[in-house]
């Protein structure tokens, strides 16, 4: 798993007008090529009377899958600019479609490139760029006598906390960064003076608006 990657939160769309042509940018997180194709086809169906529905997507931890389509616009003036916006912003696992309703004024190659670039940008902004950060679940089980100290120390550290279970003991679910999980478990052992049971759990990507420092 990657330590983190940038994508978008959910589907979003936004519209701009350039020389009477409507450009509607759509963006959505996708995790397979099939999902990307289905999204593009859904936009084409929704906007079937549009002049063009140009698209691009990037999928995979190493951006293994990259595709683009000019959908009838002059070669290199639509799909490529959309793909370049995705790559320039460092986004992964995303599909972007820019729908154009022609307004009667020709834009020229340079104008088309700028328009599809801007359409991709507003679509991505509407879909809310986020970071998915690799955390590891860590369970800390302590007696009630240790819980107050542990909770205070965890909150002072700014630890991301999950469920807290109160049974005969207290089990606190923590989500340190995956790269820091081992040092965190050592720290927790020291804080509780060895009077805790610590279990490492599974890795999970958790959404952040900004990268944790």
N, C-alpha and C. Protein backbone atom coordinates (compact mmCIF):
# COMPACT_ATOMS: atom_id res chain seq x y z
N UNK A 1 0.84 -1.21 0.00
CA UNK A 1 0.00 0.00 0.00
C UNK A 1 0.87 1.26 0.00
N UNK A 2 0.40 2.26 -0.72
CA UNK A 2 1.09 3.55 -0.71
C UNK A 2 0.93 4.21 0.66
N UNK A 3 1.89 5.04 1.03
CA UNK A 3 1.77 5.80 2.28
C UNK A 3 0.58 6.76 2.20
N UNK A 4 0.34 7.28 1.01
CA UNK A 4 -0.82 8.15 0.79
C UNK A 4 -0.98 8.36 -0.71
N UNK A 5 -2.16 8.78 -1.11
CA UNK A 5 -2.37 9.22 -2.48
C UNK A 5 -3.49 10.24 -2.52
N UNK A 6 -3.50 11.03 -3.59
CA UNK A 6 -4.49 12.10 -3.74
C UNK A 6 -5.54 11.66 -4.75
N UNK A 7 -6.80 11.87 -4.40
CA UNK A 7 -7.90 11.55 -5.31
C UNK A 7 -9.01 12.57 -5.06
N UNK A 8 -10.26 12.22 -5.36
CA UNK A 8 -11.38 13.10 -5.05
C UNK A 8 -12.36 12.39 -4.13
N UNK A 9 -13.11 13.18 -3.39
CA UNK A 9 -14.01 12.64 -2.37
C UNK A 9 -15.19 11.88 -2.98
N UNK A 10 -15.84 12.48 -3.98
CA UNK A 10 -17.05 11.89 -4.56
C UNK A 10 -17.32 12.56 -5.89
N UNK A 11 -18.40 12.16 -6.54
CA UNK A 11 -18.75 12.79 -7.82
C UNK A 11 -19.04 14.27 -7.63
N UNK A 12 -18.55 15.05 -8.59
CA UNK A 12 -18.85 16.47 -8.59
C UNK A 12 -18.84 17.01 -10.01
N UNK A 13 -19.54 18.10 -10.26
CA UNK A 13 -19.52 18.72 -11.59
C UNK A 13 -19.69 20.22 -11.46
N UNK A 14 -19.16 20.93 -12.45
CA UNK A 14 -19.28 22.38 -12.47
C UNK A 14 -19.19 22.84 -13.92
N UNK A 15 -19.77 24.00 -14.20
CA UNK A 15 -19.89 24.47 -15.58
C UNK A 15 -19.23 25.82 -15.77
N UNK A 16 -18.60 25.99 -16.93
CA UNK A 16 -18.06 27.29 -17.32
C UNK A 16 -18.54 27.60 -18.75
N UNK A 17 -18.61 28.87 -19.08
CA UNK A 17 -18.99 29.31 -20.43
C UNK A 17 -17.79 29.99 -21.07
N UNK A 18 -17.41 29.52 -22.24
CA UNK A 18 -16.30 30.12 -22.98
C UNK A 18 -16.76 30.39 -24.41
N UNK A 19 -16.85 31.66 -24.75
CA UNK A 19 -17.31 32.09 -26.08
C UNK A 19 -18.59 31.35 -26.49
N UNK A 20 -19.54 31.37 -25.59
CA UNK A 20 -20.89 30.83 -25.79
C UNK A 20 -20.96 29.29 -25.77
N UNK A 21 -19.82 28.62 -25.71
CA UNK A 21 -19.86 27.16 -25.54
C UNK A 21 -19.92 26.82 -24.06
N UNK A 22 -20.75 25.85 -23.72
CA UNK A 22 -20.84 25.37 -22.33
C UNK A 22 -19.87 24.20 -22.16
N UNK A 23 -19.03 24.30 -21.16
CA UNK A 23 -18.12 23.21 -20.81
C UNK A 23 -18.46 22.77 -19.38
N UNK A 24 -18.88 21.51 -19.24
CA UNK A 24 -19.26 20.97 -17.93
C UNK A 24 -18.24 19.92 -17.53
N UNK A 25 -17.52 20.21 -16.46
CA UNK A 25 -16.53 19.26 -15.96
C UNK A 25 -17.15 18.32 -14.94
N UNK A 26 -16.93 17.03 -15.13
CA UNK A 26 -17.41 16.00 -14.21
C UNK A 26 -16.21 15.20 -13.72
N UNK A 27 -16.17 14.88 -12.44
CA UNK A 27 -15.07 14.06 -11.91
C UNK A 27 -15.62 13.09 -10.86
N UNK A 28 -14.99 11.92 -10.79
CA UNK A 28 -15.45 10.91 -9.85
C UNK A 28 -14.28 9.98 -9.49
N UNK A 29 -14.21 9.52 -8.23
CA UNK A 29 -13.19 8.51 -7.90
C UNK A 29 -13.57 7.16 -8.51
N UNK A 30 -12.61 6.49 -9.10
CA UNK A 30 -12.83 5.15 -9.68
C UNK A 30 -11.63 4.27 -9.33
N UNK A 31 -11.90 2.98 -9.19
CA UNK A 31 -10.83 2.07 -8.76
C UNK A 31 -10.61 0.91 -9.71
N UNK A 32 -11.22 0.98 -10.88
CA UNK A 32 -10.97 -0.01 -11.93
C UNK A 32 -11.28 0.63 -13.27
N UNK A 33 -10.73 0.06 -14.34
CA UNK A 33 -11.02 0.60 -15.66
C UNK A 33 -12.49 0.42 -16.01
N UNK A 34 -13.06 -0.68 -15.58
CA UNK A 34 -14.48 -0.92 -15.85
C UNK A 34 -15.34 0.17 -15.20
N UNK A 35 -14.99 0.55 -13.97
CA UNK A 35 -15.74 1.60 -13.27
C UNK A 35 -15.60 2.93 -14.00
N UNK A 36 -14.39 3.21 -14.50
CA UNK A 36 -14.17 4.46 -15.24
C UNK A 36 -15.00 4.49 -16.52
N UNK A 37 -15.01 3.39 -17.25
CA UNK A 37 -15.76 3.32 -18.50
C UNK A 37 -17.26 3.48 -18.25
N UNK A 38 -17.75 2.85 -17.20
CA UNK A 38 -19.17 2.97 -16.86
C UNK A 38 -19.54 4.41 -16.53
N UNK A 39 -18.65 5.10 -15.82
CA UNK A 39 -18.90 6.50 -15.47
C UNK A 39 -18.94 7.36 -16.73
N UNK A 40 -17.98 7.16 -17.62
CA UNK A 40 -17.93 7.95 -18.86
C UNK A 40 -19.18 7.69 -19.70
N UNK A 41 -19.58 6.43 -19.79
CA UNK A 41 -20.79 6.09 -20.57
C UNK A 41 -22.04 6.70 -19.94
N UNK A 42 -22.09 6.76 -18.62
CA UNK A 42 -23.24 7.36 -17.95
C UNK A 42 -23.33 8.86 -18.25
N UNK A 43 -22.18 9.54 -18.26
CA UNK A 43 -22.17 10.97 -18.60
C UNK A 43 -22.59 11.17 -20.06
N UNK A 44 -22.10 10.31 -20.95
CA UNK A 44 -22.47 10.41 -22.37
C UNK A 44 -23.97 10.20 -22.56
N UNK A 45 -24.54 9.29 -21.78
CA UNK A 45 -25.98 9.04 -21.87
C UNK A 45 -26.76 10.24 -21.34
N UNK A 46 -26.29 10.80 -20.22
CA UNK A 46 -26.97 11.96 -19.62
C UNK A 46 -26.90 13.17 -20.55
N UNK A 47 -25.77 13.31 -21.26
CA UNK A 47 -25.55 14.46 -22.14
C UNK A 47 -25.43 13.98 -23.59
N UNK A 48 -26.38 13.18 -24.01
CA UNK A 48 -26.30 12.57 -25.35
C UNK A 48 -26.47 13.59 -26.48
N UNK A 49 -27.06 14.73 -26.19
CA UNK A 49 -27.21 15.75 -27.23
C UNK A 49 -26.05 16.76 -27.22
N UNK A 50 -25.08 16.56 -26.33
CA UNK A 50 -23.92 17.45 -26.29
C UNK A 50 -23.08 17.24 -27.56
N UNK A 51 -22.29 18.24 -27.90
CA UNK A 51 -21.43 18.15 -29.07
C UNK A 51 -20.30 17.14 -28.84
N UNK A 52 -19.71 17.17 -27.64
CA UNK A 52 -18.62 16.25 -27.30
C UNK A 52 -18.66 15.92 -25.81
N UNK A 53 -18.23 14.71 -25.47
CA UNK A 53 -17.98 14.31 -24.08
C UNK A 53 -16.56 13.73 -24.05
N UNK A 54 -15.60 14.59 -23.77
CA UNK A 54 -14.18 14.19 -23.80
C UNK A 54 -13.75 13.75 -22.41
N UNK A 55 -12.80 12.83 -22.35
CA UNK A 55 -12.52 12.22 -21.05
C UNK A 55 -11.08 11.76 -20.89
N UNK A 56 -10.74 11.48 -19.64
CA UNK A 56 -9.44 10.87 -19.32
C UNK A 56 -9.57 10.24 -17.94
N UNK A 57 -8.76 9.21 -17.70
CA UNK A 57 -8.72 8.62 -16.36
C UNK A 57 -7.34 8.05 -16.06
N UNK A 58 -7.05 8.01 -14.76
CA UNK A 58 -5.79 7.46 -14.25
C UNK A 58 -6.14 6.52 -13.11
N UNK A 59 -5.64 5.28 -13.18
CA UNK A 59 -5.98 4.27 -12.19
C UNK A 59 -4.73 3.48 -11.81
N UNK A 60 -4.62 3.14 -10.52
CA UNK A 60 -3.56 2.26 -10.06
C UNK A 60 -2.56 2.98 -9.16
N UNK A 61 -1.92 2.21 -8.27
CA UNK A 61 -0.95 2.78 -7.34
C UNK A 61 0.20 3.46 -8.07
N UNK A 62 0.59 2.92 -9.21
CA UNK A 62 1.69 3.49 -10.00
C UNK A 62 1.16 4.13 -11.28
N UNK A 63 -0.11 4.52 -11.27
CA UNK A 63 -0.75 5.13 -12.46
C UNK A 63 -0.63 4.22 -13.67
N UNK A 64 -0.80 2.91 -13.44
CA UNK A 64 -0.60 1.94 -14.51
C UNK A 64 -1.55 2.13 -15.68
N UNK A 65 -2.77 2.57 -15.40
CA UNK A 65 -3.77 2.71 -16.45
C UNK A 65 -4.03 4.19 -16.68
N UNK A 66 -3.73 4.66 -17.89
CA UNK A 66 -3.99 6.04 -18.26
C UNK A 66 -4.61 6.04 -19.66
N UNK A 67 -5.81 6.57 -19.75
CA UNK A 67 -6.49 6.61 -21.04
C UNK A 67 -7.09 8.00 -21.25
N UNK A 68 -7.30 8.35 -22.51
CA UNK A 68 -7.90 9.65 -22.83
C UNK A 68 -8.71 9.51 -24.11
N UNK A 69 -9.66 10.43 -24.29
CA UNK A 69 -10.48 10.43 -25.51
C UNK A 69 -10.83 11.85 -25.90
N UNK A 70 -10.61 12.18 -27.18
CA UNK A 70 -11.00 13.49 -27.70
C UNK A 70 -12.45 13.53 -28.15
N UNK A 71 -13.08 12.38 -28.27
CA UNK A 71 -14.50 12.27 -28.64
C UNK A 71 -14.89 13.20 -29.79
N UNK A 72 -14.08 13.20 -30.85
CA UNK A 72 -14.44 13.98 -32.02
C UNK A 72 -13.80 15.35 -32.13
N UNK A 73 -13.24 15.86 -31.03
CA UNK A 73 -12.50 17.13 -31.11
C UNK A 73 -11.17 16.87 -31.84
N UNK A 74 -10.52 17.89 -32.39
CA UNK A 74 -9.23 17.68 -33.05
C UNK A 74 -8.24 16.97 -32.12
N UNK A 75 -7.46 16.06 -32.68
CA UNK A 75 -6.56 15.23 -31.90
C UNK A 75 -5.65 16.06 -30.99
N UNK A 76 -5.62 15.68 -29.71
CA UNK A 76 -4.73 16.33 -28.75
C UNK A 76 -5.28 17.59 -28.12
N UNK A 77 -6.51 18.00 -28.47
CA UNK A 77 -7.04 19.27 -27.94
C UNK A 77 -7.98 19.09 -26.75
N UNK A 78 -8.33 17.85 -26.41
CA UNK A 78 -9.34 17.64 -25.36
C UNK A 78 -8.91 16.58 -24.35
N UNK A 79 -8.82 15.32 -24.79
CA UNK A 79 -8.46 14.25 -23.86
C UNK A 79 -7.10 14.44 -23.22
N UNK A 80 -6.11 14.84 -24.04
CA UNK A 80 -4.77 15.04 -23.49
C UNK A 80 -4.71 16.16 -22.45
N UNK A 81 -5.32 17.33 -22.70
CA UNK A 81 -5.32 18.37 -21.66
C UNK A 81 -6.00 17.92 -20.37
N UNK A 82 -7.08 17.14 -20.49
CA UNK A 82 -7.76 16.64 -19.28
C UNK A 82 -6.82 15.72 -18.52
N UNK A 83 -6.15 14.81 -19.24
CA UNK A 83 -5.20 13.90 -18.60
C UNK A 83 -4.06 14.66 -17.94
N UNK A 84 -3.58 15.71 -18.61
CA UNK A 84 -2.48 16.49 -18.04
C UNK A 84 -2.87 17.19 -16.75
N UNK A 85 -4.13 17.64 -16.66
CA UNK A 85 -4.60 18.25 -15.40
C UNK A 85 -4.57 17.21 -14.28
N UNK A 86 -5.06 16.01 -14.56
CA UNK A 86 -5.06 14.93 -13.56
C UNK A 86 -3.63 14.67 -13.08
N UNK A 87 -2.70 14.54 -14.02
CA UNK A 87 -1.32 14.22 -13.68
C UNK A 87 -0.64 15.39 -12.97
N UNK A 88 -0.91 16.61 -13.44
CA UNK A 88 -0.30 17.79 -12.82
C UNK A 88 -0.73 17.94 -11.36
N UNK A 89 -1.98 17.61 -11.08
CA UNK A 89 -2.48 17.70 -9.69
C UNK A 89 -2.11 16.49 -8.85
N UNK A 90 -1.46 15.50 -9.47
CA UNK A 90 -1.02 14.32 -8.73
C UNK A 90 -2.15 13.42 -8.28
N UNK A 91 -3.22 13.38 -9.07
CA UNK A 91 -4.40 12.61 -8.69
C UNK A 91 -4.31 11.18 -9.19
N UNK A 92 -4.84 10.26 -8.41
CA UNK A 92 -4.92 8.85 -8.78
C UNK A 92 -6.36 8.37 -8.65
N UNK A 93 -6.66 7.27 -9.33
CA UNK A 93 -7.98 6.64 -9.21
C UNK A 93 -9.10 7.65 -9.42
N UNK A 94 -9.07 8.25 -10.59
CA UNK A 94 -10.05 9.29 -10.92
C UNK A 94 -10.37 9.25 -12.41
N UNK A 95 -11.64 9.53 -12.72
CA UNK A 95 -12.07 9.72 -14.10
C UNK A 95 -12.67 11.11 -14.23
N UNK A 96 -12.34 11.77 -15.33
CA UNK A 96 -12.84 13.13 -15.58
C UNK A 96 -13.44 13.18 -16.98
N UNK A 97 -14.63 13.75 -17.07
CA UNK A 97 -15.29 13.98 -18.36
C UNK A 97 -15.58 15.47 -18.47
N UNK A 98 -15.28 16.03 -19.64
CA UNK A 98 -15.67 17.42 -19.90
C UNK A 98 -16.64 17.42 -21.07
N UNK A 99 -17.87 17.82 -20.78
CA UNK A 99 -18.93 17.87 -21.78
C UNK A 99 -18.94 19.25 -22.43
N UNK A 100 -19.07 19.26 -23.77
CA UNK A 100 -19.14 20.55 -24.48
C UNK A 100 -20.43 20.65 -25.28
N UNK A 101 -21.13 21.76 -25.05
CA UNK A 101 -22.25 22.15 -25.91
C UNK A 101 -21.76 23.33 -26.74
N UNK A 102 -21.59 23.11 -28.04
CA UNK A 102 -21.01 24.12 -28.92
C UNK A 102 -21.91 25.36 -29.00
N UNK A 103 -21.26 26.52 -28.86
CA UNK A 103 -22.01 27.78 -28.85
C UNK A 103 -21.96 28.57 -30.13
N UNK A 104 -21.32 27.99 -31.18
CA UNK A 104 -21.33 28.67 -32.46
C UNK A 104 -20.07 29.43 -32.80
N UNK A 105 -19.14 29.56 -31.85
CA UNK A 105 -17.90 30.28 -32.10
C UNK A 105 -16.73 29.30 -32.02
N UNK A 106 -15.94 29.21 -33.08
CA UNK A 106 -14.78 28.32 -33.10
C UNK A 106 -13.72 28.84 -32.13
N UNK A 107 -13.07 27.93 -31.43
CA UNK A 107 -12.07 28.33 -30.44
C UNK A 107 -10.64 28.16 -30.93
N UNK A 108 -10.43 27.35 -31.96
CA UNK A 108 -9.07 27.08 -32.40
C UNK A 108 -8.42 26.07 -31.47
N UNK A 109 -7.31 25.50 -31.92
CA UNK A 109 -6.65 24.44 -31.14
C UNK A 109 -6.23 24.92 -29.76
N UNK A 110 -5.58 26.10 -29.72
CA UNK A 110 -5.14 26.63 -28.43
C UNK A 110 -6.30 26.93 -27.50
N UNK A 111 -7.36 27.48 -28.06
CA UNK A 111 -8.54 27.79 -27.25
C UNK A 111 -9.20 26.54 -26.71
N UNK A 112 -9.24 25.47 -27.53
CA UNK A 112 -9.82 24.21 -27.07
C UNK A 112 -9.00 23.62 -25.92
N UNK A 113 -7.70 23.64 -26.07
CA UNK A 113 -6.83 23.10 -25.02
C UNK A 113 -7.07 23.83 -23.71
N UNK A 114 -7.13 25.15 -23.77
CA UNK A 114 -7.38 25.93 -22.54
C UNK A 114 -8.76 25.65 -21.98
N UNK A 115 -9.75 25.54 -22.85
CA UNK A 115 -11.13 25.31 -22.39
C UNK A 115 -11.27 23.94 -21.72
N UNK A 116 -10.70 22.91 -22.32
CA UNK A 116 -10.81 21.58 -21.71
C UNK A 116 -9.96 21.47 -20.45
N UNK A 117 -8.86 22.21 -20.43
CA UNK A 117 -8.06 22.27 -19.19
C UNK A 117 -8.88 22.89 -18.07
N UNK A 118 -9.50 24.04 -18.36
CA UNK A 118 -10.31 24.74 -17.34
C UNK A 118 -11.53 23.90 -16.95
N UNK A 119 -12.14 23.21 -17.91
CA UNK A 119 -13.28 22.36 -17.60
C UNK A 119 -12.90 21.23 -16.66
N UNK A 120 -11.73 20.63 -16.89
CA UNK A 120 -11.26 19.57 -16.00
C UNK A 120 -10.99 20.10 -14.60
N UNK A 121 -10.38 21.28 -14.53
CA UNK A 121 -10.05 21.87 -13.23
C UNK A 121 -11.30 22.12 -12.40
N UNK A 122 -12.34 22.72 -13.00
CA UNK A 122 -13.55 23.03 -12.21
C UNK A 122 -14.29 21.75 -11.82
N UNK A 123 -14.25 20.74 -12.69
CA UNK A 123 -14.89 19.46 -12.34
C UNK A 123 -14.21 18.80 -11.16
N UNK A 124 -12.87 18.81 -11.17
CA UNK A 124 -12.10 18.22 -10.06
C UNK A 124 -12.34 18.99 -8.77
N UNK A 125 -12.37 20.31 -8.86
CA UNK A 125 -12.63 21.13 -7.65
C UNK A 125 -14.00 20.79 -7.07
N UNK A 126 -14.99 20.59 -7.94
CA UNK A 126 -16.34 20.27 -7.47
C UNK A 126 -16.39 18.90 -6.80
N UNK A 127 -15.51 18.00 -7.21
CA UNK A 127 -15.48 16.65 -6.63
C UNK A 127 -14.66 16.58 -5.34
N UNK A 128 -14.07 17.69 -4.93
CA UNK A 128 -13.34 17.85 -3.66
C UNK A 128 -12.10 16.95 -3.56
N UNK A 129 -10.95 17.46 -4.00
CA UNK A 129 -9.71 16.70 -3.84
C UNK A 129 -9.41 16.41 -2.37
N UNK A 130 -8.98 15.17 -2.12
CA UNK A 130 -8.64 14.74 -0.75
C UNK A 130 -7.41 13.83 -0.82
N UNK A 131 -6.86 13.56 0.35
CA UNK A 131 -5.78 12.58 0.44
C UNK A 131 -6.30 11.35 1.17
N UNK A 132 -5.92 10.18 0.68
CA UNK A 132 -6.18 8.95 1.40
C UNK A 132 -4.84 8.49 1.98
N UNK A 133 -4.79 8.40 3.30
CA UNK A 133 -3.54 8.16 4.01
C UNK A 133 -3.58 6.78 4.67
N UNK A 134 -2.49 6.05 4.54
CA UNK A 134 -2.39 4.69 5.06
C UNK A 134 -2.17 4.72 6.57
N UNK A 135 -3.17 4.27 7.31
CA UNK A 135 -3.09 4.14 8.77
C UNK A 135 -3.14 2.65 9.14
N UNK A 136 -2.71 2.36 10.35
CA UNK A 136 -2.83 0.99 10.85
C UNK A 136 -3.64 0.99 12.13
N UNK A 137 -4.59 0.08 12.21
CA UNK A 137 -5.40 -0.04 13.42
C UNK A 137 -4.56 -0.68 14.53
N UNK A 138 -4.61 -0.06 15.71
CA UNK A 138 -3.92 -0.59 16.89
C UNK A 138 -4.91 -0.58 18.05
N UNK A 139 -5.09 -1.73 18.69
CA UNK A 139 -5.98 -1.84 19.84
C UNK A 139 -5.15 -1.86 21.12
N UNK A 140 -5.54 -1.02 22.06
CA UNK A 140 -4.85 -0.98 23.35
C UNK A 140 -5.86 -1.32 24.45
N UNK A 141 -5.60 -2.39 25.17
CA UNK A 141 -6.48 -2.84 26.25
C UNK A 141 -5.82 -2.57 27.59
N UNK A 142 -6.54 -1.84 28.47
CA UNK A 142 -5.99 -1.49 29.78
C UNK A 142 -7.06 -1.66 30.86
N UNK A 143 -6.60 -1.74 32.09
CA UNK A 143 -7.53 -1.68 33.23
C UNK A 143 -8.07 -0.26 33.35
N UNK A 144 -9.19 -0.14 34.04
CA UNK A 144 -9.81 1.18 34.21
C UNK A 144 -8.88 2.16 34.92
N UNK A 145 -8.02 1.66 35.76
CA UNK A 145 -7.10 2.54 36.51
C UNK A 145 -6.10 3.23 35.59
N UNK A 146 -5.86 2.67 34.41
CA UNK A 146 -4.91 3.25 33.46
C UNK A 146 -5.59 4.06 32.37
N UNK A 147 -6.89 3.93 32.28
CA UNK A 147 -7.58 4.53 31.13
C UNK A 147 -7.45 6.04 31.09
N UNK A 148 -7.63 6.72 32.22
CA UNK A 148 -7.58 8.19 32.24
C UNK A 148 -6.24 8.71 31.75
N UNK A 149 -5.16 8.12 32.23
CA UNK A 149 -3.82 8.55 31.80
C UNK A 149 -3.62 8.28 30.32
N UNK A 150 -4.02 7.07 29.86
CA UNK A 150 -3.85 6.72 28.46
C UNK A 150 -4.63 7.66 27.55
N UNK A 151 -5.89 7.92 27.90
CA UNK A 151 -6.71 8.79 27.07
C UNK A 151 -6.11 10.19 26.99
N UNK A 152 -5.65 10.70 28.12
CA UNK A 152 -5.06 12.04 28.15
C UNK A 152 -3.82 12.10 27.26
N UNK A 153 -2.97 11.10 27.35
CA UNK A 153 -1.74 11.07 26.56
C UNK A 153 -2.06 10.94 25.06
N UNK A 154 -3.05 10.13 24.72
CA UNK A 154 -3.43 9.96 23.33
C UNK A 154 -3.95 11.27 22.74
N UNK A 155 -4.79 11.97 23.49
CA UNK A 155 -5.35 13.22 23.00
C UNK A 155 -4.28 14.30 22.90
N UNK A 156 -3.34 14.32 23.85
CA UNK A 156 -2.23 15.28 23.77
C UNK A 156 -1.37 15.04 22.53
N UNK A 157 -1.28 13.79 22.13
CA UNK A 157 -0.49 13.43 20.96
C UNK A 157 -1.26 13.68 19.66
N UNK A 158 -2.57 13.94 19.77
CA UNK A 158 -3.38 14.16 18.59
C UNK A 158 -3.67 12.89 17.82
N UNK A 159 -3.69 11.77 18.54
CA UNK A 159 -3.92 10.49 17.89
C UNK A 159 -5.34 10.38 17.35
N UNK A 160 -5.48 9.81 16.16
CA UNK A 160 -6.78 9.54 15.58
C UNK A 160 -7.39 8.33 16.28
N UNK A 161 -8.54 8.52 16.92
CA UNK A 161 -9.15 7.46 17.72
C UNK A 161 -10.42 6.94 17.07
N UNK A 162 -10.67 5.65 17.27
CA UNK A 162 -11.89 5.02 16.80
C UNK A 162 -12.76 4.63 17.99
N UNK A 163 -13.32 3.45 17.93
CA UNK A 163 -14.23 2.98 18.97
C UNK A 163 -13.50 2.74 20.30
N UNK A 164 -14.18 3.04 21.40
CA UNK A 164 -13.67 2.72 22.74
C UNK A 164 -14.68 1.78 23.39
N UNK A 165 -14.23 0.59 23.74
CA UNK A 165 -15.11 -0.43 24.32
C UNK A 165 -14.88 -0.52 25.83
N UNK A 166 -15.97 -0.51 26.58
CA UNK A 166 -15.91 -0.61 28.03
C UNK A 166 -16.53 -1.94 28.45
N UNK A 167 -15.71 -2.88 28.83
CA UNK A 167 -16.18 -4.18 29.35
C UNK A 167 -15.55 -4.36 30.71
N UNK A 168 -14.97 -5.51 30.97
CA UNK A 168 -14.24 -5.65 32.22
C UNK A 168 -12.95 -4.84 32.18
N UNK A 169 -12.51 -4.52 30.95
CA UNK A 169 -11.38 -3.63 30.73
C UNK A 169 -11.79 -2.60 29.68
N UNK A 170 -10.88 -1.68 29.38
CA UNK A 170 -11.14 -0.67 28.36
C UNK A 170 -10.25 -0.96 27.16
N UNK A 171 -10.87 -1.01 25.97
CA UNK A 171 -10.11 -1.22 24.75
C UNK A 171 -10.27 0.01 23.86
N UNK A 172 -9.15 0.66 23.59
CA UNK A 172 -9.14 1.88 22.79
C UNK A 172 -8.60 1.55 21.39
N UNK A 173 -9.36 1.91 20.36
CA UNK A 173 -8.92 1.70 18.98
C UNK A 173 -8.23 2.97 18.48
N UNK A 174 -6.99 2.80 18.05
CA UNK A 174 -6.19 3.93 17.57
C UNK A 174 -5.80 3.70 16.11
N UNK A 175 -5.54 4.80 15.41
CA UNK A 175 -5.15 4.71 14.01
C UNK A 175 -3.91 5.56 13.75
N UNK A 176 -2.74 5.10 14.19
CA UNK A 176 -1.52 5.82 13.84
C UNK A 176 -1.21 5.67 12.36
N UNK A 177 -0.36 6.55 11.84
CA UNK A 177 0.12 6.36 10.47
C UNK A 177 0.81 5.00 10.39
N UNK A 178 0.61 4.30 9.29
CA UNK A 178 1.16 2.95 9.17
C UNK A 178 2.67 2.93 9.37
N UNK A 179 3.34 3.96 8.85
CA UNK A 179 4.80 4.02 8.96
C UNK A 179 5.27 4.24 10.40
N UNK A 180 4.35 4.71 11.25
CA UNK A 180 4.71 5.01 12.64
C UNK A 180 4.09 4.04 13.63
N UNK A 181 3.46 2.98 13.13
CA UNK A 181 2.71 2.07 14.00
C UNK A 181 3.60 1.39 15.04
N UNK A 182 4.76 0.91 14.62
CA UNK A 182 5.64 0.20 15.57
C UNK A 182 6.12 1.13 16.68
N UNK A 183 6.54 2.33 16.32
CA UNK A 183 7.00 3.27 17.35
C UNK A 183 5.84 3.69 18.25
N UNK A 184 4.65 3.79 17.67
CA UNK A 184 3.47 4.13 18.48
C UNK A 184 3.19 3.04 19.51
N UNK A 185 3.28 1.78 19.10
CA UNK A 185 3.02 0.68 20.03
C UNK A 185 4.06 0.65 21.16
N UNK A 186 5.30 0.97 20.82
CA UNK A 186 6.34 1.06 21.86
C UNK A 186 6.03 2.20 22.82
N UNK A 187 5.59 3.32 22.26
CA UNK A 187 5.23 4.48 23.09
C UNK A 187 4.08 4.12 24.03
N UNK A 188 3.06 3.43 23.51
CA UNK A 188 1.90 3.05 24.33
C UNK A 188 2.31 2.10 25.45
N UNK A 189 3.23 1.22 25.15
CA UNK A 189 3.74 0.31 26.18
C UNK A 189 4.42 1.09 27.30
N UNK A 190 5.21 2.10 26.91
CA UNK A 190 5.90 2.92 27.91
C UNK A 190 4.90 3.74 28.73
N UNK A 191 3.90 4.33 28.06
CA UNK A 191 2.92 5.17 28.75
C UNK A 191 2.17 4.37 29.81
N UNK A 192 1.86 3.12 29.49
CA UNK A 192 1.10 2.28 30.43
C UNK A 192 2.02 1.41 31.29
N UNK A 193 3.32 1.69 31.21
CA UNK A 193 4.33 0.95 31.99
C UNK A 193 4.17 -0.56 31.83
N UNK A 194 3.87 -0.95 30.61
CA UNK A 194 3.76 -2.38 30.32
C UNK A 194 2.47 -3.02 30.80
N UNK A 195 1.55 -2.22 31.34
CA UNK A 195 0.30 -2.76 31.89
C UNK A 195 -0.83 -2.71 30.86
N UNK A 196 -0.52 -3.06 29.65
CA UNK A 196 -1.53 -3.04 28.59
C UNK A 196 -1.31 -4.20 27.64
N UNK A 197 -2.37 -4.56 26.94
CA UNK A 197 -2.27 -5.54 25.85
C UNK A 197 -2.46 -4.76 24.56
N UNK A 198 -1.49 -4.86 23.68
CA UNK A 198 -1.52 -4.08 22.44
C UNK A 198 -1.56 -5.03 21.25
N UNK A 199 -2.55 -4.82 20.38
CA UNK A 199 -2.74 -5.69 19.22
C UNK A 199 -2.72 -4.84 17.96
N UNK A 200 -1.86 -5.23 17.02
CA UNK A 200 -1.84 -4.51 15.74
C UNK A 200 -2.90 -5.09 14.81
N UNK A 201 -3.65 -4.21 14.18
CA UNK A 201 -4.73 -4.65 13.30
C UNK A 201 -4.41 -4.41 11.83
N UNK A 202 -5.44 -4.21 11.04
CA UNK A 202 -5.27 -4.09 9.60
C UNK A 202 -4.96 -2.67 9.19
N UNK A 203 -4.40 -2.55 7.99
CA UNK A 203 -4.16 -1.25 7.40
C UNK A 203 -5.45 -0.74 6.75
N UNK A 204 -5.60 0.57 6.73
CA UNK A 204 -6.78 1.16 6.10
C UNK A 204 -6.44 2.57 5.62
N UNK A 205 -6.96 2.92 4.45
CA UNK A 205 -6.82 4.30 3.97
C UNK A 205 -7.90 5.15 4.63
N UNK A 206 -7.47 6.25 5.22
CA UNK A 206 -8.39 7.18 5.88
C UNK A 206 -8.30 8.53 5.19
N UNK A 207 -9.44 9.16 5.00
CA UNK A 207 -9.51 10.44 4.27
C UNK A 207 -8.99 11.60 5.11
N UNK A 208 -8.13 12.41 4.48
CA UNK A 208 -7.63 13.65 5.08
C UNK A 208 -7.79 14.77 4.05
N UNK A 209 -8.13 15.95 4.52
CA UNK A 209 -8.20 17.11 3.62
C UNK A 209 -6.79 17.56 3.24
N UNK A 210 -5.86 17.43 4.17
CA UNK A 210 -4.46 17.77 3.93
C UNK A 210 -3.59 16.64 4.44
N UNK A 211 -2.38 16.56 3.96
CA UNK A 211 -1.47 15.51 4.43
C UNK A 211 -1.07 15.77 5.87
N UNK A 212 -1.10 14.74 6.75
CA UNK A 212 -0.64 14.91 8.12
C UNK A 212 0.84 15.27 8.14
N UNK A 213 1.20 16.18 9.02
CA UNK A 213 2.60 16.59 9.13
C UNK A 213 3.40 15.50 9.83
